[in-house]
Amino acid sequence: MFKWPSLIWSFDGLSDTAKMRVVAREPWRQWRRLTYYRAIAAYSYAGYRKFFTDEARRGLLPLVISLLPAVALNDLTALYWFQISRHARAGIYHLARSRNASGLTRLIARRLGIPLL
């Protein structure tokens, strides 16, 4: 969430448009992305303390997202994608395979025919 964007955006030979196609300049400012990372156990309060110590990155929203119940976020995200965006199969696969996955998320994955081997 931090190293990859920094690396891509450090290349002066690439246009900003090309860089944006690869990764957002500051993906940690996107609340949906942080919520998804929290839902798949890739972001937590420990991650907040580690990566958001810099004044430029600190904020209330990343803190609140890091404190939300991860299993509930996993379920809500899976339900949202099932109802609104069924083409997000890769995302639902990661939700169902994460340690925060519940029976509901796995059921949604099975309903969509996503193998969980």
PDB file of N, CA and C in Angstrom:
ATOM      1  N   MET A   1       0.813  -1.179   0.000  1.00  0.00           N
ATOM      2  CA  MET A   1       0.000   0.000   0.000  1.00  0.00           C
ATOM      3  C   MET A   1       0.867   1.258   0.000  1.00  0.00           C
ATOM      4  N   PHE A   2       2.144   1.136   0.390  1.00  0.00           N
ATOM      5  CA  PHE A   2       3.009   2.304   0.451  1.00  0.00           C
ATOM      6  C   PHE A   2       4.233   2.191  -0.448  1.00  0.00           C
ATOM      7  N   LYS A   3       4.897   1.046  -0.406  1.00  0.00           N
ATOM      8  CA  LYS A   3       6.148   0.903  -1.164  1.00  0.00           C
ATOM      9  C   LYS A   3       5.923   0.860  -2.667  1.00  0.00           C
ATOM     10  N   TRP A   4       4.963   0.079  -3.111  1.00  0.00           N
ATOM     11  CA  TRP A   4       4.705  -0.054  -4.544  1.00  0.00           C
ATOM     12  C   TRP A   4       4.315   1.285  -5.173  1.00  0.00           C
ATOM     13  N   PRO A   5       3.350   2.028  -4.605  1.00  0.00           N
ATOM     14  CA  PRO A   5       3.027   3.331  -5.196  1.00  0.00           C
ATOM     15  C   PRO A   5       4.217   4.286  -5.193  1.00  0.00           C
ATOM     16  N   SER A   6       4.997   4.274  -4.126  1.00  0.00           N
ATOM     17  CA  SER A   6       6.172   5.148  -4.070  1.00  0.00           C
ATOM     18  C   SER A   6       7.160   4.803  -5.174  1.00  0.00           C
ATOM     19  N   LEU A   7       7.356   3.524  -5.409  1.00  0.00           N
ATOM     20  CA  LEU A   7       8.277   3.097  -6.461  1.00  0.00           C
ATOM     21  C   LEU A   7       7.768   3.532  -7.832  1.00  0.00           C
ATOM     22  N   ILE A   8       6.532   3.233  -8.127  1.00  0.00           N
ATOM     23  CA  ILE A   8       5.970   3.576  -9.447  1.00  0.00           C
ATOM     24  C   ILE A   8       5.998   5.084  -9.679  1.00  0.00           C
ATOM     25  N   TRP A   9       5.592   5.855  -8.684  1.00  0.00           N
ATOM     26  CA  TRP A   9       5.517   7.306  -8.855  1.00  0.00           C
ATOM     27  C   TRP A   9       6.895   7.968  -8.810  1.00  0.00           C
ATOM     28  N   SER A  10       7.944   7.218  -8.512  1.00  0.00           N
ATOM     29  CA  SER A  10       9.297   7.793  -8.530  1.00  0.00           C
ATOM     30  C   SER A  10       9.907   7.800  -9.930  1.00  0.00           C
ATOM     31  N   PHE A  11       9.312   7.080 -10.873  1.00  0.00           N
ATOM     32  CA  PHE A  11       9.841   7.037 -12.237  1.00  0.00           C
ATOM     33  C   PHE A  11       9.498   8.325 -12.981  1.00  0.00           C
ATOM     34  N   ASP A  12      10.523   9.122 -13.251  1.00  0.00           N
ATOM     35  CA  ASP A  12      10.301  10.394 -13.939  1.00  0.00           C
ATOM     36  C   ASP A  12      10.027  10.209 -15.425  1.00  0.00           C
ATOM     37  N   GLY A  13      10.454   9.105 -15.995  1.00  0.00           N
ATOM     38  CA  GLY A  13      10.295   8.871 -17.426  1.00  0.00           C
ATOM     39  C   GLY A  13       8.889   8.483 -17.842  1.00  0.00           C
ATOM     40  N   LEU A  14       8.022   8.192 -16.879  1.00  0.00           N
ATOM     41  CA  LEU A  14       6.641   7.806 -17.188  1.00  0.00           C
ATOM     42  C   LEU A  14       5.698   8.980 -16.959  1.00  0.00           C
ATOM     43  N   SER A  15       4.670   9.064 -17.774  1.00  0.00           N
ATOM     44  CA  SER A  15       3.684  10.124 -17.590  1.00  0.00           C
ATOM     45  C   SER A  15       2.816   9.805 -16.370  1.00  0.00           C
ATOM     46  N   ASP A  16       2.201  10.828 -15.814  1.00  0.00           N
ATOM     47  CA  ASP A  16       1.316  10.621 -14.671  1.00  0.00           C
ATOM     48  C   ASP A  16       0.122   9.741 -15.037  1.00  0.00           C
ATOM     49  N   THR A  17      -0.331   9.839 -16.263  1.00  0.00           N
ATOM     50  CA  THR A  17      -1.440   8.998 -16.719  1.00  0.00           C
ATOM     51  C   THR A  17      -1.051   7.525 -16.697  1.00  0.00           C
ATOM     52  N   ALA A  18       0.149   7.222 -17.164  1.00  0.00           N
ATOM     53  CA  ALA A  18       0.627   5.838 -17.165  1.00  0.00           C
ATOM     54  C   ALA A  18       0.793   5.325 -15.736  1.00  0.00           C
ATOM     55  N   LYS A  19       1.317   6.159 -14.865  1.00  0.00           N
ATOM     56  CA  LYS A  19       1.492   5.758 -13.463  1.00  0.00           C
ATOM     57  C   LYS A  19       0.135   5.487 -12.808  1.00  0.00           C
ATOM     58  N   MET A  20      -0.850   6.331 -13.114  1.00  0.00           N
ATOM     59  CA  MET A  20      -2.175   6.179 -12.521  1.00  0.00           C
ATOM     60  C   MET A  20      -2.844   4.884 -12.970  1.00  0.00           C
ATOM     61  N   ARG A  21      -2.531   4.426 -14.172  1.00  0.00           N
ATOM     62  CA  ARG A  21      -3.097   3.155 -14.648  1.00  0.00           C
ATOM     63  C   ARG A  21      -2.563   1.972 -13.860  1.00  0.00           C
ATOM     64  N   VAL A  22      -1.368   2.125 -13.312  1.00  0.00           N
ATOM     65  CA  VAL A  22      -0.755   1.043 -12.538  1.00  0.00           C
ATOM     66  C   VAL A  22      -1.233   1.075 -11.093  1.00  0.00           C
ATOM     67  N   VAL A  23      -1.161   2.256 -10.475  1.00  0.00           N
ATOM     68  CA  VAL A  23      -1.530   2.373  -9.059  1.00  0.00           C
ATOM     69  C   VAL A  23      -1.833   3.837  -8.733  1.00  0.00           C
ATOM     70  N   ALA A  24      -2.764   4.033  -7.815  1.00  0.00           N
ATOM     71  CA  ALA A  24      -3.075   5.393  -7.359  1.00  0.00           C
ATOM     72  C   ALA A  24      -1.877   5.969  -6.624  1.00  0.00           C
ATOM     73  N   ARG A  25      -1.738   7.274  -6.674  1.00  0.00           N
ATOM     74  CA  ARG A  25      -0.591   7.927  -6.029  1.00  0.00           C
ATOM     75  C   ARG A  25      -0.593   7.685  -4.514  1.00  0.00           C
ATOM     76  N   GLU A  26      -1.742   7.791  -3.890  1.00  0.00           N
ATOM     77  CA  GLU A  26      -1.856   7.593  -2.440  1.00  0.00           C
ATOM     78  C   GLU A  26      -3.059   6.681  -2.148  1.00  0.00           C
ATOM     79  N   PRO A  27      -2.896   5.386  -2.351  1.00  0.00           N
ATOM     80  CA  PRO A  27      -4.049   4.479  -2.190  1.00  0.00           C
ATOM     81  C   PRO A  27      -4.591   4.428  -0.764  1.00  0.00           C
ATOM     82  N   TRP A  28      -3.818   4.787   0.222  1.00  0.00           N
ATOM     83  CA  TRP A  28      -4.269   4.750   1.605  1.00  0.00           C
ATOM     84  C   TRP A  28      -5.327   5.825   1.883  1.00  0.00           C
ATOM     85  N   ARG A  29      -5.512   6.763   0.981  1.00  0.00           N
ATOM     86  CA  ARG A  29      -6.538   7.791   1.149  1.00  0.00           C
ATOM     87  C   ARG A  29      -7.909   7.311   0.640  1.00  0.00           C
ATOM     88  N   GLN A  30      -7.961   6.148   0.029  1.00  0.00           N
ATOM     89  CA  GLN A  30      -9.211   5.604  -0.505  1.00  0.00           C
ATOM     90  C   GLN A  30      -9.850   4.702   0.552  1.00  0.00           C
ATOM     91  N   TRP A  31     -10.952   5.154   1.123  1.00  0.00           N
ATOM     92  CA  TRP A  31     -11.558   4.428   2.228  1.00  0.00           C
ATOM     93  C   TRP A  31     -12.051   3.043   1.810  1.00  0.00           C
ATOM     94  N   ARG A  32     -12.475   2.904   0.556  1.00  0.00           N
ATOM     95  CA  ARG A  32     -12.935   1.585   0.108  1.00  0.00           C
ATOM     96  C   ARG A  32     -11.785   0.585   0.081  1.00  0.00           C
ATOM     97  N   ARG A  33     -10.637   1.039  -0.336  1.00  0.00           N
ATOM     98  CA  ARG A  33      -9.483   0.153  -0.376  1.00  0.00           C
ATOM     99  C   ARG A  33      -9.060  -0.260   1.034  1.00  0.00           C
ATOM    100  N   LEU A  34      -9.028   0.691   1.961  1.00  0.00           N
ATOM    101  CA  LEU A  34      -8.682   0.368   3.348  1.00  0.00           C
ATOM    102  C   LEU A  34      -9.701  -0.594   3.955  1.00  0.00           C
ATOM    103  N   THR A  35     -10.974  -0.383   3.645  1.00  0.00           N
ATOM    104  CA  THR A  35     -12.013  -1.266   4.158  1.00  0.00           C
ATOM    105  C   THR A  35     -11.841  -2.684   3.621  1.00  0.00           C
ATOM    106  N   TYR A  36     -11.535  -2.794   2.346  1.00  0.00           N
ATOM    107  CA  TYR A  36     -11.294  -4.118   1.754  1.00  0.00           C
ATOM    108  C   TYR A  36     -10.079  -4.783   2.408  1.00  0.00           C
ATOM    109  N   TYR A  37      -9.000  -4.031   2.593  1.00  0.00           N
ATOM    110  CA  TYR A  37      -7.816  -4.596   3.239  1.00  0.00           C
ATOM    111  C   TYR A  37      -8.131  -5.047   4.662  1.00  0.00           C
ATOM    112  N   ARG A  38      -8.959  -4.288   5.359  1.00  0.00           N
ATOM    113  CA  ARG A  38      -9.366  -4.684   6.710  1.00  0.00           C
ATOM    114  C   ARG A  38     -10.192  -5.968   6.646  1.00  0.00           C
ATOM    115  N   ALA A  39     -11.055  -6.075   5.662  1.00  0.00           N
ATOM    116  CA  ALA A  39     -11.923  -7.245   5.535  1.00  0.00           C
ATOM    117  C   ALA A  39     -11.140  -8.518   5.243  1.00  0.00           C
ATOM    118  N   ILE A  40     -10.009  -8.406   4.541  1.00  0.00           N
ATOM    119  CA  ILE A  40      -9.222  -9.605   4.223  1.00  0.00           C
ATOM    120  C   ILE A  40      -8.033  -9.772   5.175  1.00  0.00           C
ATOM    121  N   ALA A  41      -8.039  -9.053   6.278  1.00  0.00           N
ATOM    122  CA  ALA A  41      -7.009  -9.147   7.322  1.00  0.00           C
ATOM    123  C   ALA A  41      -5.653  -8.632   6.868  1.00  0.00           C
ATOM    124  N   ALA A  42      -5.640  -7.707   5.928  1.00  0.00           N
ATOM    125  CA  ALA A  42      -4.372  -7.129   5.473  1.00  0.00           C
ATOM    126  C   ALA A  42      -4.129  -5.756   6.096  1.00  0.00           C
ATOM    127  N   TYR A  43      -5.053  -5.290   6.939  1.00  0.00           N
ATOM    128  CA  TYR A  43      -4.932  -3.995   7.595  1.00  0.00           C
ATOM    129  C   TYR A  43      -5.571  -4.099   8.966  1.00  0.00           C
ATOM    130  N   SER A  44      -4.898  -3.545   9.965  1.00  0.00           N
ATOM    131  CA  SER A  44      -5.390  -3.614  11.334  1.00  0.00           C
ATOM    132  C   SER A  44      -4.910  -2.379  12.095  1.00  0.00           C
ATOM    133  N   TYR A  45      -5.206  -2.347  13.386  1.00  0.00           N
ATOM    134  CA  TYR A  45      -4.742  -1.231  14.197  1.00  0.00           C
ATOM    135  C   TYR A  45      -3.216  -1.222  14.283  1.00  0.00           C
ATOM    136  N   ALA A  46      -2.622  -2.408  14.315  1.00  0.00           N
ATOM    137  CA  ALA A  46      -1.148  -2.473  14.312  1.00  0.00           C
ATOM    138  C   ALA A  46      -0.588  -1.867  13.026  1.00  0.00           C
ATOM    139  N   GLY A  47      -1.242  -2.129  11.904  1.00  0.00           N
ATOM    140  CA  GLY A  47      -0.840  -1.518  10.643  1.00  0.00           C
ATOM    141  C   GLY A  47      -1.017  -0.016  10.658  1.00  0.00           C
ATOM    142  N   TYR A  48      -2.089   0.438  11.286  1.00  0.00           N
ATOM    143  CA  TYR A  48      -2.305   1.882  11.414  1.00  0.00           C
ATOM    144  C   TYR A  48      -1.157   2.512  12.199  1.00  0.00           C
ATOM    145  N   ARG A  49      -0.819   1.913  13.341  1.00  0.00           N
ATOM    146  CA  ARG A  49       0.277   2.464  14.166  1.00  0.00           C
ATOM    147  C   ARG A  49       1.602   2.437  13.428  1.00  0.00           C
ATOM    148  N   LYS A  50       1.811   1.429  12.595  1.00  0.00           N
ATOM    149  CA  LYS A  50       3.081   1.295  11.885  1.00  0.00           C
ATOM    150  C   LYS A  50       3.188   2.252  10.705  1.00  0.00           C
ATOM    151  N   PHE A  51       2.129   2.375   9.910  1.00  0.00           N
ATOM    152  CA  PHE A  51       2.217   3.107   8.648  1.00  0.00           C
ATOM    153  C   PHE A  51       1.614   4.511   8.667  1.00  0.00           C
ATOM    154  N   PHE A  52       0.814   4.818   9.669  1.00  0.00           N
ATOM    155  CA  PHE A  52       0.168   6.122   9.697  1.00  0.00           C
ATOM    156  C   PHE A  52       0.704   7.018  10.804  1.00  0.00           C
ATOM    157  N   THR A  53       1.977   6.893  11.120  1.00  0.00           N
ATOM    158  CA  THR A  53       2.590   7.744  12.132  1.00  0.00           C
ATOM    159  C   THR A  53       2.978   9.104  11.563  1.00  0.00           C
ATOM    160  N   ASP A  54       3.178   9.169  10.268  1.00  0.00           N
ATOM    161  CA  ASP A  54       3.539  10.409   9.592  1.00  0.00           C
ATOM    162  C   ASP A  54       2.340  11.364   9.590  1.00  0.00           C
ATOM    163  N   GLU A  55       2.570  12.632   9.885  1.00  0.00           N
ATOM    164  CA  GLU A  55       1.486  13.628   9.921  1.00  0.00           C
ATOM    165  C   GLU A  55       0.705  13.694   8.612  1.00  0.00           C
ATOM    166  N   ALA A  56       1.392  13.533   7.475  1.00  0.00           N
ATOM    167  CA  ALA A  56       0.732  13.636   6.174  1.00  0.00           C
ATOM    168  C   ALA A  56      -0.252  12.488   5.943  1.00  0.00           C
ATOM    169  N   ARG A  57      -0.019  11.352   6.572  1.00  0.00           N
ATOM    170  CA  ARG A  57      -0.880  10.181   6.374  1.00  0.00           C
ATOM    171  C   ARG A  57      -1.929  10.028   7.461  1.00  0.00           C
ATOM    172  N   ARG A  58      -1.683  10.585   8.617  1.00  0.00           N
ATOM    173  CA  ARG A  58      -2.570  10.379   9.757  1.00  0.00           C
ATOM    174  C   ARG A  58      -3.943  10.978   9.489  1.00  0.00           C
ATOM    175  N   GLY A  59      -4.949  10.322  10.004  1.00  0.00           N
ATOM    176  CA  GLY A  59      -6.310  10.824   9.848  1.00  0.00           C
ATOM    177  C   GLY A  59      -7.278   9.989  10.660  1.00  0.00           C
ATOM    178  N   LEU A  60      -8.468  10.509  10.827  1.00  0.00           N
ATOM    179  CA  LEU A  60      -9.477   9.814  11.613  1.00  0.00           C
ATOM    180  C   LEU A  60     -10.032   8.595  10.882  1.00  0.00           C
ATOM    181  N   LEU A  61     -10.256   8.708   9.595  1.00  0.00           N
ATOM    182  CA  LEU A  61     -10.854   7.609   8.842  1.00  0.00           C
ATOM    183  C   LEU A  61      -9.986   6.339   8.845  1.00  0.00           C
ATOM    184  N   PRO A  62      -8.674   6.422   8.568  1.00  0.00           N
ATOM    185  CA  PRO A  62      -7.857   5.198   8.657  1.00  0.00           C
ATOM    186  C   PRO A  62      -7.871   4.576  10.050  1.00  0.00           C
ATOM    187  N   LEU A  63      -7.935   5.423  11.079  1.00  0.00           N
ATOM    188  CA  LEU A  63      -8.001   4.911  12.446  1.00  0.00           C
ATOM    189  C   LEU A  63      -9.313   4.176  12.683  1.00  0.00           C
ATOM    190  N   VAL A  64     -10.423   4.787  12.299  1.00  0.00           N
ATOM    191  CA  VAL A  64     -11.737   4.161  12.504  1.00  0.00           C
ATOM    192  C   VAL A  64     -11.824   2.839  11.748  1.00  0.00           C
ATOM    193  N   ILE A  65     -11.366   2.818  10.501  1.00  0.00           N
ATOM    194  CA  ILE A  65     -11.414   1.583   9.712  1.00  0.00           C
ATOM    195  C   ILE A  65     -10.573   0.496  10.367  1.00  0.00           C
ATOM    196  N   SER A  66      -9.429   0.861  10.935  1.00  0.00           N
ATOM    197  CA  SER A  66      -8.564  -0.139  11.581  1.00  0.00           C
ATOM    198  C   SER A  66      -9.206  -0.734  12.825  1.00  0.00           C
ATOM    199  N   LEU A  67     -10.170  -0.036  13.417  1.00  0.00           N
ATOM    200  CA  LEU A  67     -10.822  -0.506  14.639  1.00  0.00           C
ATOM    201  C   LEU A  67     -12.138  -1.236  14.389  1.00  0.00           C
ATOM    202  N   LEU A  68     -12.651  -1.184  13.157  1.00  0.00           N
ATOM    203  CA  LEU A  68     -13.911  -1.869  12.841  1.00  0.00           C
ATOM    204  C   LEU A  68     -13.741  -3.387  12.917  1.00  0.00           C
ATOM    205  N   PRO A  69     -14.792  -4.112  13.286  1.00  0.00           N
ATOM    206  CA  PRO A  69     -14.711  -5.579  13.338  1.00  0.00           C
ATOM    207  C   PRO A  69     -14.466  -6.167  11.946  1.00  0.00           C
ATOM    208  N   ALA A  70     -13.372  -6.864  11.798  1.00  0.00           N
ATOM    209  CA  ALA A  70     -12.946  -7.356  10.488  1.00  0.00           C
ATOM    210  C   ALA A  70     -13.903  -8.408   9.919  1.00  0.00           C
ATOM    211  N   VAL A  71     -14.439  -9.277  10.757  1.00  0.00           N
ATOM    212  CA  VAL A  71     -15.348 -10.319  10.265  1.00  0.00           C
ATOM    213  C   VAL A  71     -16.629  -9.684   9.738  1.00  0.00           C
ATOM    214  N   ALA A  72     -17.133  -8.687  10.437  1.00  0.00           N
ATOM    215  CA  ALA A  72     -18.340  -7.998   9.969  1.00  0.00           C
ATOM    216  C   ALA A  72     -18.071  -7.283   8.645  1.00  0.00           C
ATOM    217  N   LEU A  73     -16.914  -6.653   8.518  1.00  0.00           N
ATOM    218  CA  LEU A  73     -16.566  -6.001   7.251  1.00  0.00           C
ATOM    219  C   LEU A  73     -16.448  -7.021   6.130  1.00  0.00           C
ATOM    220  N   ASN A  74     -15.900  -8.176   6.433  1.00  0.00           N
ATOM    221  CA  ASN A  74     -15.770  -9.237   5.440  1.00  0.00           C
ATOM    222  C   ASN A  74     -17.156  -9.640   4.939  1.00  0.00           C
ATOM    223  N   ASP A  75     -18.078  -9.865   5.855  1.00  0.00           N
ATOM    224  CA  ASP A  75     -19.448 -10.247   5.479  1.00  0.00           C
ATOM    225  C   ASP A  75     -20.140  -9.147   4.680  1.00  0.00           C
ATOM    226  N   LEU A  76     -20.040  -7.919   5.149  1.00  0.00           N
ATOM    227  CA  LEU A  76     -20.704  -6.808   4.469  1.00  0.00           C
ATOM    228  C   LEU A  76     -20.146  -6.578   3.067  1.00  0.00           C
ATOM    229  N   THR A  77     -18.834  -6.693   2.932  1.00  0.00           N
ATOM    230  CA  THR A  77     -18.218  -6.520   1.617  1.00  0.00           C
ATOM    231  C   THR A  77     -18.643  -7.631   0.673  1.00  0.00           C
ATOM    232  N   ALA A  78     -18.679  -8.863   1.161  1.00  0.00           N
ATOM    233  CA  ALA A  78     -19.123  -9.982   0.320  1.00  0.00           C
ATOM    234  C   ALA A  78     -20.588  -9.810  -0.095  1.00  0.00           C
ATOM    235  N   LEU A  79     -21.428  -9.400   0.837  1.00  0.00           N
ATOM    236  CA  LEU A  79     -22.837  -9.154   0.506  1.00  0.00           C
ATOM    237  C   LEU A  79     -22.984  -8.035  -0.514  1.00  0.00           C
ATOM    238  N   TYR A  80     -22.228  -6.963  -0.327  1.00  0.00           N
ATOM    239  CA  TYR A  80     -22.295  -5.842  -1.261  1.00  0.00           C
ATOM    240  C   TYR A  80     -21.908  -6.296  -2.667  1.00  0.00           C
ATOM    241  N   TRP A  81     -20.771  -6.995  -2.770  1.00  0.00           N
ATOM    242  CA  TRP A  81     -20.321  -7.429  -4.087  1.00  0.00           C
ATOM    243  C   TRP A  81     -21.278  -8.453  -4.693  1.00  0.00           C
ATOM    244  N   PHE A  82     -21.884  -9.283  -3.867  1.00  0.00           N
ATOM    245  CA  PHE A  82     -22.843 -10.271  -4.370  1.00  0.00           C
ATOM    246  C   PHE A  82     -24.076  -9.570  -4.954  1.00  0.00           C
ATOM    247  N   GLN A  83     -24.537  -8.531  -4.287  1.00  0.00           N
ATOM    248  CA  GLN A  83     -25.735  -7.827  -4.729  1.00  0.00           C
ATOM    249  C   GLN A  83     -25.456  -6.822  -5.851  1.00  0.00           C
ATOM    250  N   ILE A  84     -24.371  -6.105  -5.762  1.00  0.00           N
ATOM    251  CA  ILE A  84     -24.109  -4.980  -6.663  1.00  0.00           C
ATOM    252  C   ILE A  84     -23.147  -5.330  -7.793  1.00  0.00           C
ATOM    253  N   SER A  85     -22.116  -6.097  -7.471  1.00  0.00           N
ATOM    254  CA  SER A  85     -21.035  -6.282  -8.441  1.00  0.00           C
ATOM    255  C   SER A  85     -20.580  -7.738  -8.478  1.00  0.00           C
ATOM    256  N   ARG A  86     -21.388  -8.592  -9.058  1.00  0.00           N
ATOM    257  CA  ARG A  86     -21.071 -10.019  -9.089  1.00  0.00           C
ATOM    258  C   ARG A  86     -19.843 -10.339  -9.930  1.00  0.00           C
ATOM    259  N   HIS A  87     -19.403  -9.405 -10.753  1.00  0.00           N
ATOM    260  CA  HIS A  87     -18.209  -9.659 -11.565  1.00  0.00           C
ATOM    261  C   HIS A  87     -16.918  -9.526 -10.749  1.00  0.00           C
ATOM    262  N   ALA A  88     -17.012  -9.145  -9.489  1.00  0.00           N
ATOM    263  CA  ALA A  88     -15.830  -8.987  -8.638  1.00  0.00           C
ATOM    264  C   ALA A  88     -15.440 -10.334  -8.031  1.00  0.00           C
ATOM    265  N   ARG A  89     -15.304 -11.331  -8.869  1.00  0.00           N
ATOM    266  CA  ARG A  89     -15.045 -12.692  -8.412  1.00  0.00           C
ATOM    267  C   ARG A  89     -13.707 -12.821  -7.689  1.00  0.00           C
ATOM    268  N   ALA A  90     -12.689 -12.142  -8.167  1.00  0.00           N
ATOM    269  CA  ALA A  90     -11.376 -12.232  -7.510  1.00  0.00           C
ATOM    270  C   ALA A  90     -11.449 -11.655  -6.099  1.00  0.00           C
ATOM    271  N   GLY A  91     -12.152 -10.560  -5.952  1.00  0.00           N
ATOM    272  CA  GLY A  91     -12.301  -9.957  -4.632  1.00  0.00           C
ATOM    273  C   GLY A  91     -13.056 -10.860  -3.675  1.00  0.00           C
ATOM    274  N   ILE A  92     -14.129 -11.483  -4.160  1.00  0.00           N
ATOM    275  CA  ILE A  92     -14.895 -12.395  -3.313  1.00  0.00           C
ATOM    276  C   ILE A  92     -14.058 -13.630  -2.966  1.00  0.00           C
ATOM    277  N   TYR A  93     -13.243 -14.076  -3.912  1.00  0.00           N
ATOM    278  CA  TYR A  93     -12.346 -15.199  -3.621  1.00  0.00           C
ATOM    279  C   TYR A  93     -11.416 -14.841  -2.459  1.00  0.00           C
ATOM    280  N   HIS A  94     -10.813 -13.657  -2.495  1.00  0.00           N
ATOM    281  CA  HIS A  94      -9.896 -13.242  -1.424  1.00  0.00           C
ATOM    282  C   HIS A  94     -10.642 -13.063  -0.102  1.00  0.00           C
ATOM    283  N   LEU A  95     -11.859 -12.546  -0.162  1.00  0.00           N
ATOM    284  CA  LEU A  95     -12.653 -12.426   1.061  1.00  0.00           C
ATOM    285  C   LEU A  95     -12.927 -13.803   1.666  1.00  0.00           C
ATOM    286  N   ALA A  96     -13.305 -14.760   0.820  1.00  0.00           N
ATOM    287  CA  ALA A  96     -13.656 -16.102   1.301  1.00  0.00           C
ATOM    288  C   ALA A  96     -12.441 -16.874   1.792  1.00  0.00           C
ATOM    289  N   ARG A  97     -11.257 -16.557   1.287  1.00  0.00           N
ATOM    290  CA  ARG A  97     -10.033 -17.262   1.693  1.00  0.00           C
ATOM    291  C   ARG A  97      -9.317 -16.596   2.871  1.00  0.00           C
ATOM    292  N   SER A  98      -9.760 -15.418   3.278  1.00  0.00           N
ATOM    293  CA  SER A  98      -9.068 -14.725   4.365  1.00  0.00           C
ATOM    294  C   SER A  98      -9.415 -15.353   5.707  1.00  0.00           C
ATOM    295  N   ARG A  99      -8.632 -15.056   6.699  1.00  0.00           N
ATOM    296  CA  ARG A  99      -8.896 -15.609   8.036  1.00  0.00           C
ATOM    297  C   ARG A  99     -10.124 -14.971   8.678  1.00  0.00           C
ATOM    298  N   ASN A 100     -10.606 -13.868   8.112  1.00  0.00           N
ATOM    299  CA  ASN A 100     -11.807 -13.209   8.624  1.00  0.00           C
ATOM    300  C   ASN A 100     -13.086 -13.735   7.987  1.00  0.00           C
ATOM    301  N   ALA A 101     -12.968 -14.665   7.088  1.00  0.00           N
ATOM    302  CA  ALA A 101     -14.150 -15.166   6.377  1.00  0.00           C
ATOM    303  C   ALA A 101     -15.062 -15.950   7.315  1.00  0.00           C
ATOM    304  N   SER A 102     -16.348 -15.742   7.128  1.00  0.00           N
ATOM    305  CA  SER A 102     -17.338 -16.489   7.900  1.00  0.00           C
ATOM    306  C   SER A 102     -18.058 -17.447   6.956  1.00  0.00           C
ATOM    307  N   GLY A 103     -19.005 -18.185   7.496  1.00  0.00           N
ATOM    308  CA  GLY A 103     -19.790 -19.090   6.672  1.00  0.00           C
ATOM    309  C   GLY A 103     -20.574 -18.351   5.598  1.00  0.00           C
ATOM    310  N   LEU A 104     -21.016 -17.115   5.906  1.00  0.00           N
ATOM    311  CA  LEU A 104     -21.767 -16.326   4.940  1.00  0.00           C
ATOM    312  C   LEU A 104     -20.918 -15.996   3.715  1.00  0.00           C
ATOM    313  N   THR A 105     -19.695 -15.558   3.934  1.00  0.00           N
ATOM    314  CA  THR A 105     -18.819 -15.216   2.818  1.00  0.00           C
ATOM    315  C   THR A 105     -18.510 -16.450   1.979  1.00  0.00           C
ATOM    316  N   ARG A 106     -18.269 -17.572   2.628  1.00  0.00           N
ATOM    317  CA  ARG A 106     -17.998 -18.808   1.889  1.00  0.00           C
ATOM    318  C   ARG A 106     -19.229 -19.280   1.118  1.00  0.00           C
ATOM    319  N   LEU A 107     -20.413 -19.093   1.703  1.00  0.00           N
ATOM    320  CA  LEU A 107     -21.651 -19.440   1.015  1.00  0.00           C
ATOM    321  C   LEU A 107     -21.823 -18.586  -0.249  1.00  0.00           C
ATOM    322  N   ILE A 108     -21.552 -17.311  -0.143  1.00  0.00           N
ATOM    323  CA  ILE A 108     -21.645 -16.426  -1.304  1.00  0.00           C
ATOM    324  C   ILE A 108     -20.678 -16.877  -2.389  1.00  0.00           C
ATOM    325  N   ALA A 109     -19.468 -17.221  -1.995  1.00  0.00           N
ATOM    326  CA  ALA A 109     -18.476 -17.690  -2.967  1.00  0.00           C
ATOM    327  C   ALA A 109     -18.958 -18.954  -3.659  1.00  0.00           C
ATOM    328  N   ARG A 110     -19.504 -19.884  -2.888  1.00  0.00           N
ATOM    329  CA  ARG A 110     -20.020 -21.127  -3.482  1.00  0.00           C
ATOM    330  C   ARG A 110     -21.192 -20.851  -4.412  1.00  0.00           C
ATOM    331  N   ARG A 111     -22.070 -19.929  -4.038  1.00  0.00           N
ATOM    332  CA  ARG A 111     -23.223 -19.564  -4.886  1.00  0.00           C
ATOM    333  C   ARG A 111     -22.778 -19.024  -6.229  1.00  0.00           C
ATOM    334  N   LEU A 112     -21.645 -18.336  -6.232  1.00  0.00           N
ATOM    335  CA  LEU A 112     -21.112 -17.770  -7.481  1.00  0.00           C
ATOM    336  C   LEU A 112     -20.222 -18.758  -8.222  1.00  0.00           C
ATOM    337  N   GLY A 113     -20.053 -19.955  -7.677  1.00  0.00           N
ATOM    338  CA  GLY A 113     -19.241 -20.966  -8.340  1.00  0.00           C
ATOM    339  C   GLY A 113     -17.755 -20.729  -8.198  1.00  0.00           C
ATOM    340  N   ILE A 114     -17.348 -20.047  -7.148  1.00  0.00           N
ATOM    341  CA  ILE A 114     -15.928 -19.765  -6.930  1.00  0.00           C
ATOM    342  C   ILE A 114     -15.331 -20.906  -6.107  1.00  0.00           C
ATOM    343  N   PRO A 115     -14.350 -21.627  -6.654  1.00  0.00           N
ATOM    344  CA  PRO A 115     -13.753 -22.738  -5.902  1.00  0.00           C
ATOM    345  C   PRO A 115     -12.894 -22.213  -4.755  1.00  0.00           C
ATOM    346  N   LEU A 116     -12.998 -22.857  -3.604  1.00  0.00           N
ATOM    347  CA  LEU A 116     -12.241 -22.418  -2.418  1.00  0.00           C
ATOM    348  C   LEU A 116     -11.286 -23.507  -1.946  1.00  0.00           C
ATOM    349  N   LEU A 117     -10.557 -24.084  -2.841  1.00  0.00           N
ATOM    350  CA  LEU A 117      -9.642 -25.167  -2.473  1.00  0.00           C
ATOM    351  C   LEU A 117      -8.499 -24.702  -1.689  1.00  0.00           C
TER     352      LEU A 117
END
